[in-house]
């Protein structure tokens, strides 16, 4: 059995999964590959949130987007529908008191396909024609959701709620990466950006030899887009689990 489970989520979203991994008898190692920080100027976000009742739909691209927005909200207007990509975002909404019991929440029906393409397919795009839609996201990201909604006739506003970046390569991080690559591990990677960042950090720390070791590690990813990124980066040992901590854990346990 691989020695450890490397959890690469931002630190704020890693704790609950780490507890599940530990309870299952595996060693959990936190290696946040994306750092989440508040915006230098939150004024555009605050202005958009002040107009929430005017939107037919608000789409959150990640749990981080949800947490950043709800830090400025006292309550969610029940008449405004919500769209999210996966189970992690549903869990983040629940932590803020929002669930299917008090809000209309859309997400891809198949947890193995928690991406923008399948979220668009789950929406009644015709009903959104002529309506206002807000997308809450990081400072950068995919444009596909906004493009799809605009093509359907929606009036789309995208607003940044947080900043994300790959951590700088410090001597301590370089040493940690070297130690992790010295043995076979399971790596849980829930972001294509994080995976590209990992590959860049490993190359900077140890060159081609370190990258070759990384490519031999086993990755567990929640959906196809990250699997495609992994394949493009030369990874060959992949398990696609579906969205949510329970499915990630089940994928780990299936390797026991």
Protein backbone atom coordinates (compact mmCIF):
# COMPACT_ATOMS: atom_id res chain seq x y z
CA UNK A 1 0.00 0.00 0.00
CA UNK A 2 1.32 3.50 -0.73
CA UNK A 3 2.79 5.19 2.32
CA UNK A 4 0.83 8.43 2.57
CA UNK A 5 -2.06 10.40 1.13
CA UNK A 6 -0.99 13.84 -0.06
CA UNK A 7 -3.87 16.34 0.08
CA UNK A 8 -3.15 19.29 -2.19
CA UNK A 9 -6.27 21.40 -1.59
CA UNK A 10 -5.99 24.92 -0.18
CA UNK A 11 -5.49 24.62 3.56
CA UNK A 12 -8.97 25.89 4.45
CA UNK A 13 -10.61 23.04 2.50
CA UNK A 14 -8.19 20.26 3.47
CA UNK A 15 -8.96 19.56 7.12
CA UNK A 16 -12.15 17.53 6.83
CA UNK A 17 -10.70 15.24 4.16
CA UNK A 18 -7.52 14.79 6.17
CA UNK A 19 -9.60 13.63 9.14
CA UNK A 20 -11.42 11.08 6.97
CA UNK A 21 -8.13 9.78 5.59
CA UNK A 22 -6.65 9.44 9.07
CA UNK A 23 -9.78 7.70 10.36
CA UNK A 24 -9.42 5.21 7.52
CA UNK A 25 -5.97 4.29 8.78
CA UNK A 26 -3.87 6.23 6.28
CA UNK A 27 -1.28 8.92 6.90
CA UNK A 28 -2.53 12.30 5.65
CA UNK A 29 -0.01 14.93 4.54
CA UNK A 30 -1.21 18.46 3.82
CA UNK A 31 0.54 20.07 0.84
CA UNK A 32 -1.56 23.08 -0.20
CA UNK A 33 -0.71 23.85 -3.82
CA UNK A 34 -2.87 26.96 -4.08
CA UNK A 35 -2.72 29.85 -1.66
CA UNK A 36 -6.00 31.74 -1.25
CA UNK A 37 -5.90 35.42 -0.32
CA UNK A 38 -8.46 38.23 -0.10
CA UNK A 39 -8.72 40.81 -2.84
CA UNK A 40 -6.78 44.04 -2.58
CA UNK A 41 -9.98 45.87 -3.59
CA UNK A 42 -13.26 44.10 -2.70
CA UNK A 43 -15.43 46.96 -3.96
CA UNK A 44 -16.58 45.25 -7.21
CA UNK A 45 -17.53 42.10 -5.28
CA UNK A 46 -19.44 44.11 -2.68
CA UNK A 47 -21.25 46.04 -5.42
CA UNK A 48 -22.32 42.81 -7.14
CA UNK A 49 -23.48 41.22 -3.89
CA UNK A 50 -25.53 44.31 -3.08
CA UNK A 51 -27.59 43.58 -6.22
CA UNK A 52 -28.19 39.88 -5.52
CA UNK A 53 -32.01 40.05 -5.81
CA UNK A 54 -31.65 41.33 -9.38
CA UNK A 55 -29.97 38.12 -10.56
CA UNK A 56 -31.83 35.04 -11.74
CA UNK A 57 -28.80 32.83 -11.05
CA UNK A 58 -25.49 33.11 -9.21
CA UNK A 59 -22.78 30.61 -10.19
CA UNK A 60 -19.94 29.91 -7.76
CA UNK A 61 -16.89 28.32 -9.35
CA UNK A 62 -15.42 26.85 -6.14
CA UNK A 63 -15.81 26.51 -2.38
CA UNK A 64 -13.36 29.41 -2.07
CA UNK A 65 -15.70 31.62 -4.08
CA UNK A 66 -18.56 30.67 -1.77
CA UNK A 67 -16.61 31.36 1.41
CA UNK A 68 -15.34 34.70 0.10
CA UNK A 69 -18.82 35.87 -0.94
CA UNK A 70 -20.64 34.69 2.17
CA UNK A 71 -18.14 36.56 4.34
CA UNK A 72 -20.07 39.65 3.20
CA UNK A 73 -23.61 38.21 3.34
CA UNK A 74 -26.05 38.02 6.23
CA UNK A 75 -28.47 35.73 4.36
CA UNK A 76 -29.13 34.33 0.90
CA UNK A 77 -32.21 35.57 -0.99
CA UNK A 78 -34.30 32.44 -1.50
CA UNK A 79 -35.60 33.54 -4.91
CA UNK A 80 -32.09 33.62 -6.41
CA UNK A 81 -30.96 30.25 -7.78
CA UNK A 82 -27.41 28.99 -7.24
CA UNK A 83 -25.18 26.96 -9.55
CA UNK A 84 -22.12 25.04 -8.31
CA UNK A 85 -19.73 22.53 -9.83
CA UNK A 86 -19.47 19.78 -7.24
CA UNK A 87 -20.08 18.27 -3.83
CA UNK A 88 -17.38 20.38 -2.21
CA UNK A 89 -19.26 23.52 -3.13
CA UNK A 90 -22.55 22.07 -1.88
CA UNK A 91 -20.82 21.34 1.42
CA UNK A 92 -19.48 24.89 1.54
CA UNK A 93 -22.99 26.25 0.99
CA UNK A 94 -24.30 24.03 3.77
CA UNK A 95 -21.71 25.46 6.14
CA UNK A 96 -23.25 28.85 5.45
CA UNK A 97 -26.78 27.57 6.07
CA UNK A 98 -27.79 27.18 2.41
CA UNK A 99 -29.11 23.84 1.13
CA UNK A 100 -31.79 22.37 -1.10
CA UNK A 101 -34.22 22.96 1.77
CA UNK A 102 -34.02 26.73 1.44
CA UNK A 103 -32.55 27.42 -1.99
CA UNK A 104 -32.61 26.19 -5.58
CA UNK A 105 -29.18 24.70 -6.27
CA UNK A 106 -28.05 23.39 -9.66
CA UNK A 107 -25.00 21.16 -10.19
CA UNK A 108 -23.89 18.49 -12.67
CA UNK A 109 -25.96 15.33 -12.11
CA UNK A 110 -22.93 13.03 -12.38
CA UNK A 111 -20.25 13.71 -9.76
CA UNK A 112 -17.60 12.33 -12.11
CA UNK A 113 -18.17 15.33 -14.38
CA UNK A 114 -18.07 18.30 -12.03
CA UNK A 115 -17.03 20.90 -14.60
CA UNK A 116 -18.42 23.90 -16.45
CA UNK A 117 -19.53 21.90 -19.48
CA UNK A 118 -21.75 19.59 -17.43
CA UNK A 119 -23.03 22.40 -15.23
CA UNK A 120 -24.20 24.26 -18.34
CA UNK A 121 -25.93 21.08 -19.50
CA UNK A 122 -27.77 20.90 -16.14
CA UNK A 123 -29.18 24.42 -16.46
CA UNK A 124 -32.35 25.49 -18.27
CA UNK A 125 -30.45 27.87 -20.51
CA UNK A 126 -33.55 28.93 -22.44
CA UNK A 127 -35.13 30.17 -19.21
CA UNK A 128 -32.07 32.34 -18.55
CA UNK A 129 -32.31 34.20 -21.86
CA UNK A 130 -32.63 37.89 -21.11
CA UNK A 131 -31.96 37.34 -17.39
CA UNK A 132 -29.04 38.57 -15.30
CA UNK A 133 -26.49 35.97 -14.16
CA UNK A 134 -23.57 36.53 -11.78
CA UNK A 135 -20.44 34.37 -11.80
CA UNK A 136 -18.35 34.52 -8.62
CA UNK A 137 -14.81 33.30 -9.20
CA UNK A 138 -11.12 33.88 -8.53
CA UNK A 139 -9.15 36.60 -10.29
CA UNK A 140 -8.54 34.22 -13.20
CA UNK A 141 -10.13 31.05 -14.50
CA UNK A 142 -11.94 29.38 -17.36
CA UNK A 143 -14.29 31.50 -19.48
CA UNK A 144 -16.42 28.62 -20.74
CA UNK A 145 -19.29 29.08 -18.29
CA UNK A 146 -19.68 32.77 -19.06
CA UNK A 147 -19.42 32.15 -22.79
CA UNK A 148 -22.06 29.42 -22.65
CA UNK A 149 -24.48 31.57 -20.66
CA UNK A 150 -23.99 34.56 -22.96
CA UNK A 151 -24.55 32.35 -26.00
CA UNK A 152 -27.91 31.41 -24.46
CA UNK A 153 -28.86 35.09 -24.19
CA UNK A 154 -28.13 35.69 -20.50
CA UNK A 155 -26.66 38.99 -19.33
CA UNK A 156 -23.56 37.79 -17.51
CA UNK A 157 -21.43 39.60 -14.95
CA UNK A 158 -18.27 37.92 -13.64
CA UNK A 159 -16.72 39.20 -10.43
CA UNK A 160 -13.58 38.14 -8.59
CA UNK A 161 -13.95 37.17 -4.94
CA UNK A 162 -10.41 36.06 -4.04
CA UNK A 163 -6.86 35.69 -5.29
CA UNK A 164 -5.11 32.37 -5.73
CA UNK A 165 -1.48 31.59 -6.46
CA UNK A 166 0.97 28.69 -6.41
CA UNK A 167 3.22 28.89 -3.33
CA UNK A 168 6.77 30.11 -3.77
CA UNK A 169 9.47 27.44 -3.80
CA UNK A 170 11.18 27.77 -0.43
CA UNK A 171 14.02 25.52 0.80
CA UNK A 172 11.56 23.86 3.21
CA UNK A 173 9.06 23.15 0.41
CA UNK A 174 11.83 21.81 -1.86
CA UNK A 175 12.90 19.44 0.93
CA UNK A 176 9.32 18.30 1.53
CA UNK A 177 8.80 17.57 -2.17
CA UNK A 178 12.04 15.59 -2.31
CA UNK A 179 10.97 13.49 0.67
CA UNK A 180 7.49 12.84 -0.74
CA UNK A 181 8.86 11.76 -4.11
CA UNK A 182 11.24 9.29 -2.49
CA UNK A 183 8.37 6.86 -1.85
CA UNK A 184 5.10 5.85 -3.53
CA UNK A 185 2.14 7.91 -2.35
CA UNK A 186 -1.43 8.69 -3.31
CA UNK A 187 -1.91 12.33 -4.29
CA UNK A 188 -5.39 13.87 -4.17
CA UNK A 189 -5.49 16.71 -6.69
CA UNK A 190 -8.71 18.67 -7.15
CA UNK A 191 -7.51 21.47 -9.44
CA UNK A 192 -5.78 21.51 -12.82
CA UNK A 193 -4.08 24.76 -11.82
CA UNK A 194 -2.72 23.12 -8.67
CA UNK A 195 -1.43 20.15 -10.67
CA UNK A 196 0.38 22.39 -13.15
CA UNK A 197 1.80 24.30 -10.20
CA UNK A 198 3.03 21.08 -8.61
CA UNK A 199 4.81 20.05 -11.79
CA UNK A 200 6.46 23.47 -12.01
CA UNK A 201 7.58 23.39 -8.38
CA UNK A 202 9.03 19.89 -8.74
CA UNK A 203 10.91 20.84 -11.90
CA UNK A 204 12.32 23.96 -10.26
CA UNK A 205 13.35 21.99 -7.17
CA UNK A 206 14.86 18.90 -8.78
CA UNK A 207 14.88 19.12 -12.56
CA UNK A 208 13.93 16.35 -14.99
CA UNK A 209 14.84 13.54 -12.58
CA UNK A 210 12.40 14.85 -9.98
CA UNK A 211 9.69 15.29 -12.60
CA UNK A 212 10.17 11.65 -13.67
CA UNK A 213 9.62 10.57 -10.05
CA UNK A 214 6.51 12.73 -9.81
CA UNK A 215 5.07 11.18 -12.97
CA UNK A 216 5.28 7.74 -11.31
CA UNK A 217 3.13 8.80 -8.36
CA UNK A 218 -0.53 7.81 -8.23
CA UNK A 219 -3.07 10.61 -8.62
CA UNK A 220 -6.69 10.61 -7.53
CA UNK A 221 -8.69 13.31 -9.31
CA UNK A 222 -12.41 14.12 -9.16
CA UNK A 223 -13.18 14.67 -12.83
CA UNK A 224 -12.07 14.28 -16.40
CA UNK A 225 -10.61 17.74 -16.99
CA UNK A 226 -8.00 17.23 -14.28
CA UNK A 227 -7.31 13.73 -15.61
CA UNK A 228 -6.67 15.25 -19.05
CA UNK A 229 -4.28 17.78 -17.50
CA UNK A 230 -2.46 14.96 -15.70
CA UNK A 231 -2.12 12.94 -18.89
CA UNK A 232 -0.72 15.97 -20.71
CA UNK A 233 1.87 16.36 -17.94
CA UNK A 234 3.00 12.76 -18.34
CA UNK A 235 1.19 11.06 -15.45
CA UNK A 236 0.13 7.51 -16.20
CA UNK A 237 -1.23 6.27 -12.85
CA UNK A 238 -4.62 7.93 -12.44
CA UNK A 239 -7.88 7.18 -10.66
CA UNK A 240 -10.94 9.31 -11.38
CA UNK A 241 -13.16 9.31 -8.32
CA UNK A 242 -16.04 11.73 -8.82
CA UNK A 243 -16.74 14.82 -6.76
CA UNK A 244 -16.87 14.95 -2.97
CA UNK A 245 -14.84 13.70 -0.02
CA UNK A 246 -16.73 10.42 0.23
CA UNK A 247 -15.89 9.46 -3.35
CA UNK A 248 -12.26 10.50 -2.95
CA UNK A 249 -12.05 8.34 0.16
CA UNK A 250 -13.73 5.41 -1.61
CA UNK A 251 -11.13 5.66 -4.37
CA UNK A 252 -8.37 5.48 -1.75
CA UNK A 253 -9.93 2.50 -0.02
CA UNK A 254 -10.34 0.64 -3.30
CA UNK A 255 -6.53 0.57 -3.54
CA UNK A 256 -6.07 -1.00 -0.11
